[in-house]
Each structure stands twice: as structure tokens, then as C-alpha cells.
């Protein structure tokens, strides 16, 4: 759900999907219904985003939690433009040829974070396979700008895979975000159709590399369910993430943005999400967020504080 007029022209946003036959996913279950965005604080957040000429993944990806998050002045900023060089079957972000990198964007984000008084901020990006470093330096500069303008704010980054380039991964890691998040998205069997531009083990290696460079950095990854995966496949992804020493996993229900996107194959129930949560904690994750409406940046600030507390508890128990 979104009120961004840029999202209305689906053919322009997703030219590569227009040849796809319509694949309606049917009526959403009642537990996925959310109220429309509204309220004074929501409007204030929108004004800051507009005046700063900033892009949010909340709008671009059509996040169902946008109204709730913006009412609390929580927003996930999307850097490096609003056009992605990849065309994942699940994603509502526009695809095509991106514009040149805006060198003033990091500073504008730093200013917006200070204006909004954010305790925790999420910075994500479109994939920029057209750039030599995949946008790694822009991520580092954005972290630096936020630290300069709002030094008390904790920072979570959510980049793409940088095509597996360790120099680029290391550059972002050494900029010292508080959380390095990279979404695995789905099970390996579905990568060729759902994430054709990505590679499952490339993403796993990225998450492991972050820990190799900075063992103390929190790592996080998220996935969607409802694309045709089985419970056993989801559990295997959990095992692979734990083998990469990932601290935090998020699991949410996939919702089809348009009939041209991949259809929903399964509506997992709230009870099944509770089972995901139980099994993930049993496998050793410090933090788990699993519910139909869970998204990577949803409640990210509260979850970060819980993550810190969980690590402290674990360290104290080992003394």
C-alpha cells in the first residue's frame, strides 16, 4: 500500500515484466489488512522526506507498514537513486538505467536523520551493477554523514551483494555501521526465477565476510515466505545463516505488488510464523522477527536494542 504517485505507472516502472501474464494472488487473509497512512506525524515525516528530496524504500517498495512506521517518524532511506539495475520477480522498485550518483545525498540524509530525531536509522539502496564499486563508497559516505550530523543515532545498512566483491564489502564494513543487514530473500531453489541477478551462496559469503572483517558487528538477514518454499527449505536457510554466524533473522509474508510480479503461492498463517520464530531461536539466533507483516526495517530500532541486550545476556552467561 502506498500513496506515491510514482508507483501508479506500473508499465514504466517494470517494463521487463509487461510480457508476463497476469497472475493474481487472490484475496489477502484478514491478518494482513493494515490501516491507510494518516495523521499529523505521518504528514511531518512525509514533508521532511519531500523537502530533503530523499527516497525511501517504504514508498518505492510499497511497504504495508509505512503508515505505522511514519507515524513514529521511522523511515528507511534508499540511496543511489530509485531505479534498480536488477529485476527481481518479487520487487516493486523501478528497474532500468539509473541516473548519475547524487554526491550530496549522504549529507541530505544526515540532515534528515537529525531533523527527525531518529535513534536508529536504516539505509538501503537499489542494486547499482553499473557502478564499479556497486555503490560501496556512497554507503560509507552516508554512514559518515549521519555520524557527523546525528552522532547518537545507531545505523543499520541494507546493501545489495556488490557482486561478491570483498573490497566493496570490506569498505562498507569498515565504515562501522552498527548492523550490517543483507537479505537472503528466498530459498536457493527459487533463485533462478525469483532473484535471477543474484546468487544464494554469494549472499551467504557476503554475510560471513562481514564477520571475518569485524567479528563484533551485528549481522542480519531477512527472507520472504509464500513463493512456493517448503518448511524444510526455510529451516535449511536458517542453518546456512547460522553457519555464516548471522545474529538476527527476519521472516515475513510475501505480498504480490502487481499481477505481473511473482504470485503468492502460500499464505502462511500467524501460527506458522510463531513456529518459524521458535525454530530460529532454537538454532541459535540472538534475535528473531517472524510474522506476516515483518519486513527488514520494521521496528528496526526496537529490535536493535533487543539484539544488544541478547548479546549482553549471552556474554554474561558465558563468564
Protein backbone atom coordinates (compact mmCIF):
# COMPACT_ATOMS: atom_id res chain seq x y z
CA UNK A 1 0.00 0.00 0.00
CA UNK A 2 1.39 3.41 -0.95
CA UNK A 3 0.30 6.86 -1.96
CA UNK A 4 3.35 7.75 -4.00
CA UNK A 5 2.13 8.80 -7.48
CA UNK A 6 5.38 7.50 -8.98
CA UNK A 7 4.11 3.97 -8.31
CA UNK A 8 1.00 4.31 -10.43
CA UNK A 9 2.59 3.77 -13.84
CA UNK A 10 3.44 0.08 -13.48
CA UNK A 11 4.47 -0.37 -17.11
CA UNK A 12 7.02 2.43 -16.82
CA UNK A 13 8.38 1.11 -13.53
CA UNK A 14 8.63 -2.51 -14.66
CA UNK A 15 9.00 -2.68 -18.46
CA UNK A 16 10.65 -6.09 -18.26
CA UNK A 17 7.58 -7.58 -16.57
CA UNK A 18 4.93 -6.40 -19.03
CA UNK A 19 5.29 -9.53 -21.16
CA UNK A 20 4.37 -11.64 -18.12
CA UNK A 21 0.81 -12.99 -17.99
CA UNK A 22 -1.31 -11.65 -15.15
CA UNK A 23 -1.07 -13.94 -12.12
CA UNK A 24 -3.47 -12.68 -9.43
CA UNK A 25 -2.74 -13.98 -5.95
CA UNK A 26 -6.31 -13.85 -4.70
CA UNK A 27 -7.74 -12.19 -1.62
CA UNK A 28 -5.38 -11.41 1.23
CA UNK A 29 -6.16 -13.02 4.59
CA UNK A 30 -7.66 -10.78 7.27
CA UNK A 31 -4.42 -10.81 9.30
CA UNK A 32 -2.68 -8.87 6.50
CA UNK A 33 -5.01 -5.88 6.50
CA UNK A 34 -3.50 -2.59 7.69
CA UNK A 35 -4.94 0.92 8.07
CA UNK A 36 -4.21 3.60 5.47
CA UNK A 37 -1.36 6.04 6.27
CA UNK A 38 -2.61 9.13 8.09
CA UNK A 39 -2.03 11.51 11.00
CA UNK A 40 -0.02 14.62 11.85
CA UNK A 41 3.32 12.90 12.50
CA UNK A 42 2.97 10.87 9.31
CA UNK A 43 2.47 14.15 7.42
CA UNK A 44 5.50 15.70 9.12
CA UNK A 45 7.68 12.75 8.15
CA UNK A 46 6.44 12.99 4.56
CA UNK A 47 7.30 16.70 4.50
CA UNK A 48 10.88 16.09 5.71
CA UNK A 49 11.36 13.40 3.06
CA UNK A 50 9.96 15.62 0.30
CA UNK A 51 11.85 18.77 1.30
CA UNK A 52 15.08 16.80 1.51
CA UNK A 53 14.49 15.31 -1.95
CA UNK A 54 15.03 11.89 -0.41
CA UNK A 55 13.90 8.43 -1.47
CA UNK A 56 12.52 5.88 0.97
CA UNK A 57 12.18 2.16 0.41
CA UNK A 58 8.91 2.48 2.34
CA UNK A 59 7.36 4.19 -0.70
CA UNK A 60 9.35 2.63 -3.52
CA UNK A 61 8.73 -0.94 -2.40
CA UNK A 62 5.14 -0.28 -1.34
CA UNK A 63 5.71 -1.45 2.24
CA UNK A 64 2.46 -2.29 4.09
CA UNK A 65 3.92 -0.91 7.34
CA UNK A 66 4.63 2.57 6.01
CA UNK A 67 1.73 4.24 7.83
CA UNK A 68 2.68 2.74 11.19
CA UNK A 69 6.39 3.47 10.84
CA UNK A 70 5.98 7.03 9.58
CA UNK A 71 3.57 7.84 12.41
CA UNK A 72 6.53 7.09 14.69
CA UNK A 73 9.00 9.04 12.49
CA UNK A 74 10.68 5.83 11.37
CA UNK A 75 11.74 5.72 7.74
CA UNK A 76 14.16 3.53 5.78
CA UNK A 77 16.16 5.69 3.38
CA UNK A 78 17.03 4.34 -0.06
CA UNK A 79 20.22 5.76 -1.54
CA UNK A 80 21.78 5.68 -5.01
CA UNK A 81 18.57 6.71 -6.76
CA UNK A 82 15.24 4.98 -7.25
CA UNK A 83 15.99 2.85 -10.32
CA UNK A 84 17.50 -0.62 -9.86
CA UNK A 85 19.70 -2.42 -12.38
CA UNK A 86 18.17 -5.79 -11.49
CA UNK A 87 14.64 -7.10 -11.97
CA UNK A 88 13.73 -9.45 -9.14
CA UNK A 89 10.33 -11.09 -9.62
CA UNK A 90 9.05 -10.00 -6.19
CA UNK A 91 10.23 -6.39 -6.05
CA UNK A 92 8.22 -3.22 -6.69
CA UNK A 93 11.23 -0.91 -7.04
CA UNK A 94 11.56 0.50 -10.58
CA UNK A 95 14.08 -1.13 -12.91
CA UNK A 96 16.06 0.34 -15.79
CA UNK A 97 19.05 2.62 -16.35
CA UNK A 98 19.82 4.64 -13.18
CA UNK A 99 20.75 8.31 -13.04
CA UNK A 100 24.20 9.51 -12.02
CA UNK A 101 25.02 9.22 -8.32
CA UNK A 102 23.97 12.30 -6.33
CA UNK A 103 27.08 13.24 -4.34
CA UNK A 104 25.09 15.49 -1.98
CA UNK A 105 22.67 12.72 -0.99
CA UNK A 106 24.65 11.47 2.04
CA UNK A 107 24.63 14.95 3.59
CA UNK A 108 20.89 15.39 2.98
CA UNK A 109 20.24 12.08 4.70
CA UNK A 110 22.39 13.10 7.64
CA UNK A 111 20.39 16.33 7.97
CA UNK A 112 17.05 14.47 7.73
CA UNK A 113 18.10 11.95 10.39
CA UNK A 114 18.90 14.84 12.75
CA UNK A 115 15.63 16.67 11.92
CA UNK A 116 13.59 13.55 12.57
CA UNK A 117 15.43 12.83 15.82
CA UNK A 118 15.98 9.21 14.88
CA UNK A 119 17.53 6.91 17.47
CA UNK A 120 18.08 4.25 14.79
CA UNK A 121 18.12 4.59 11.02
CA UNK A 122 18.05 2.04 8.19
CA UNK A 123 19.85 2.87 4.94
CA UNK A 124 19.25 0.62 1.97
CA UNK A 125 19.82 1.02 -1.77
CA UNK A 126 18.89 -0.12 -5.21
CA UNK A 127 21.35 -2.50 -6.86
CA UNK A 128 23.84 -0.48 -8.90
CA UNK A 129 25.63 -3.03 -11.05
CA UNK A 130 26.57 -0.15 -13.35
CA UNK A 131 28.98 1.26 -10.76
CA UNK A 132 32.49 -0.11 -10.36
CA UNK A 133 32.10 -0.46 -6.58
CA UNK A 134 28.36 -1.18 -6.60
CA UNK A 135 27.82 1.97 -4.53
CA UNK A 136 30.00 0.89 -1.59
CA UNK A 137 31.70 4.27 -1.23
CA UNK A 138 28.33 6.04 -1.27
CA UNK A 139 27.22 3.82 1.61
CA UNK A 140 30.40 4.68 3.52
CA UNK A 141 29.90 8.41 2.92
CA UNK A 142 26.27 8.16 4.07
CA UNK A 143 27.34 6.47 7.31
CA UNK A 144 29.94 9.21 7.81
CA UNK A 145 27.38 11.98 7.22
CA UNK A 146 24.90 10.50 9.69
CA UNK A 147 27.64 10.17 12.32
CA UNK A 148 28.58 13.82 11.74
CA UNK A 149 25.04 15.22 11.93
CA UNK A 150 23.49 12.84 14.46
CA UNK A 151 26.26 11.04 16.37
CA UNK A 152 23.89 9.32 18.82
CA UNK A 153 21.90 7.60 16.07
CA UNK A 154 22.63 3.92 15.51
CA UNK A 155 22.94 2.92 11.86
CA UNK A 156 21.76 -0.17 10.03
CA UNK A 157 22.78 -0.68 6.40
CA UNK A 158 20.99 -2.95 3.96
CA UNK A 159 23.03 -3.13 0.75
CA UNK A 160 22.92 -5.50 -2.20
CA UNK A 161 25.55 -8.15 -2.78
CA UNK A 162 28.23 -5.99 -4.51
CA UNK A 163 28.60 -8.97 -6.88
CA UNK A 164 30.51 -10.65 -4.07
CA UNK A 165 33.46 -8.22 -4.27
CA UNK A 166 35.27 -8.41 -0.93
CA UNK A 167 36.90 -4.97 -1.31
CA UNK A 168 33.45 -3.35 -1.57
CA UNK A 169 32.00 -5.40 1.29
CA UNK A 170 35.02 -4.54 3.44
CA UNK A 171 34.73 -0.82 2.61
CA UNK A 172 31.18 -0.67 3.98
CA UNK A 173 32.03 -2.86 6.97
CA UNK A 174 34.97 -0.65 7.94
CA UNK A 175 32.71 2.41 7.88
CA UNK A 176 31.34 0.86 11.10
CA UNK A 177 27.56 0.63 10.79
CA UNK A 178 26.00 -0.84 13.92
CA UNK A 179 24.16 -3.50 11.91
CA UNK A 180 25.09 -4.95 8.51
CA UNK A 181 21.90 -6.36 7.01
CA UNK A 182 21.75 -8.25 3.73
CA UNK A 183 18.61 -10.10 2.78
CA UNK A 184 18.82 -13.65 1.52
CA UNK A 185 15.17 -13.20 0.39
CA UNK A 186 14.23 -16.78 -0.52
CA UNK A 187 15.36 -20.40 -0.63
CA UNK A 188 18.12 -21.41 -3.10
CA UNK A 189 15.79 -23.48 -5.31
CA UNK A 190 13.79 -20.37 -6.19
CA UNK A 191 16.71 -18.05 -7.01
CA UNK A 192 16.66 -18.63 -10.81
CA UNK A 193 13.07 -17.39 -11.10
CA UNK A 194 12.75 -15.03 -8.12
CA UNK A 195 16.25 -13.48 -7.93
CA UNK A 196 17.82 -14.17 -11.34
CA UNK A 197 20.52 -11.49 -10.91
CA UNK A 198 21.65 -12.80 -7.51
CA UNK A 199 23.33 -15.95 -6.24
CA UNK A 200 22.39 -17.66 -2.98
CA UNK A 201 25.90 -18.55 -1.81
CA UNK A 202 27.25 -15.17 -2.92
CA UNK A 203 24.90 -13.60 -0.39
CA UNK A 204 25.84 -16.14 2.27
CA UNK A 205 29.53 -15.45 1.66
CA UNK A 206 28.90 -11.70 1.99
CA UNK A 207 27.37 -12.17 5.45
CA UNK A 208 30.24 -14.40 6.51
CA UNK A 209 32.78 -11.90 5.17
CA UNK A 210 31.37 -9.13 7.33
CA UNK A 211 32.04 -11.25 10.42
CA UNK A 212 35.52 -12.13 9.17
CA UNK A 213 36.34 -8.42 8.96
CA UNK A 214 34.58 -7.37 12.18
CA UNK A 215 33.51 -10.18 14.50
CA UNK A 216 31.75 -7.73 16.80
CA UNK A 217 29.45 -6.28 14.16
CA UNK A 218 25.84 -7.39 14.25
CA UNK A 219 24.70 -9.12 11.06
CA UNK A 220 21.13 -9.56 9.98
CA UNK A 221 19.27 -11.18 7.10
CA UNK A 222 15.67 -11.50 6.00
CA UNK A 223 13.55 -13.69 3.83
CA UNK A 224 10.03 -13.83 2.44
CA UNK A 225 7.80 -16.86 2.51
CA UNK A 226 4.86 -17.58 0.27
CA UNK A 227 6.73 -18.03 -3.01
CA UNK A 228 6.47 -21.81 -3.06
CA UNK A 229 9.10 -22.82 -0.50
CA UNK A 230 8.65 -25.64 2.00
CA UNK A 231 9.16 -25.55 5.75
CA UNK A 232 12.21 -27.80 5.33
CA UNK A 233 13.77 -25.36 2.86
CA UNK A 234 13.23 -22.42 5.23
CA UNK A 235 14.87 -24.37 8.03
CA UNK A 236 17.87 -25.09 5.78
CA UNK A 237 18.25 -21.36 5.09
CA UNK A 238 18.26 -20.80 8.85
CA UNK A 239 21.05 -23.36 9.21
CA UNK A 240 23.07 -21.72 6.43
CA UNK A 241 22.67 -18.29 8.04
CA UNK A 242 23.80 -19.62 11.39
CA UNK A 243 26.81 -21.22 9.70
CA UNK A 244 27.64 -17.68 8.50
CA UNK A 245 27.28 -16.50 12.14
CA UNK A 246 24.28 -14.26 11.38
CA UNK A 247 22.79 -12.81 14.57
CA UNK A 248 19.29 -11.75 13.51
CA UNK A 249 16.76 -13.19 11.06
CA UNK A 250 13.51 -11.63 9.85
CA UNK A 251 10.78 -13.66 8.12
CA UNK A 252 7.68 -12.10 6.56
CA UNK A 253 4.87 -12.96 4.17
CA UNK A 254 5.46 -12.13 0.51
CA UNK A 255 2.70 -9.97 -0.98
CA UNK A 256 2.44 -9.56 -4.74
CA UNK A 257 2.86 -5.88 -5.76
CA UNK A 258 1.11 -6.22 -9.15
CA UNK A 259 -0.37 -9.09 -11.22
CA UNK A 260 2.84 -9.02 -13.31
CA UNK A 261 5.00 -9.96 -10.33
CA UNK A 262 5.50 -13.46 -8.96
CA UNK A 263 2.23 -14.76 -7.50
CA UNK A 264 1.69 -15.70 -3.88
CA UNK A 265 1.74 -19.50 -3.69
CA UNK A 266 1.04 -19.82 0.05
CA UNK A 267 -0.42 -17.58 2.73
CA UNK A 268 1.47 -18.75 5.81
CA UNK A 269 -0.62 -18.39 8.99
CA UNK A 270 0.33 -16.45 12.15
CA UNK A 271 0.72 -19.76 13.99
CA UNK A 272 3.18 -20.99 11.35
CA UNK A 273 5.19 -17.79 11.78
CA UNK A 274 5.33 -18.49 15.51
CA UNK A 275 6.75 -21.90 14.63
CA UNK A 276 9.40 -20.21 12.44
CA UNK A 277 10.31 -18.00 15.39
CA UNK A 278 10.55 -20.92 17.80
CA UNK A 279 12.76 -22.96 15.48
CA UNK A 280 15.01 -19.98 14.66
CA UNK A 281 15.70 -19.27 18.32
CA UNK A 282 16.41 -22.97 18.85
CA UNK A 283 19.07 -22.75 16.13
CA UNK A 284 20.90 -20.01 17.99
CA UNK A 285 19.85 -16.66 16.51
CA UNK A 286 20.15 -13.84 19.04
CA UNK A 287 17.08 -12.11 17.62
CA UNK A 288 14.15 -13.30 15.51
CA UNK A 289 11.27 -11.34 13.99
CA UNK A 290 8.75 -13.58 12.25
CA UNK A 291 5.19 -12.52 11.42
CA UNK A 292 3.08 -11.98 8.31
CA UNK A 293 3.86 -8.23 8.30
CA UNK A 294 7.53 -8.47 9.29
CA UNK A 295 9.87 -6.53 6.99
CA UNK A 296 13.61 -5.92 7.34
CA UNK A 297 13.30 -2.37 8.61
CA UNK A 298 10.03 -2.77 10.56
CA UNK A 299 10.63 -1.98 14.26
CA UNK A 300 14.36 -1.96 13.45
CA UNK A 301 15.24 0.40 16.29
CA UNK A 302 13.40 -1.55 18.98
CA UNK A 303 14.79 -4.79 17.58
CA UNK A 304 18.33 -3.40 17.64
CA UNK A 305 18.07 -2.66 21.34
CA UNK A 306 16.74 -6.19 21.94
CA UNK A 307 19.64 -7.53 19.89
CA UNK A 308 22.15 -5.65 22.04
CA UNK A 309 20.50 -6.99 25.20
CA UNK A 310 20.51 -10.55 23.86
CA UNK A 311 24.24 -10.41 23.11
CA UNK A 312 25.00 -8.94 26.53
CA UNK A 313 22.97 -11.71 28.18
CA UNK A 314 24.79 -14.37 26.16
CA UNK A 315 28.21 -12.92 27.02
CA UNK A 316 27.34 -12.73 30.71
CA UNK A 317 26.11 -16.33 30.72
CA UNK A 318 29.48 -17.49 29.35
CA UNK A 319 31.53 -15.82 32.07
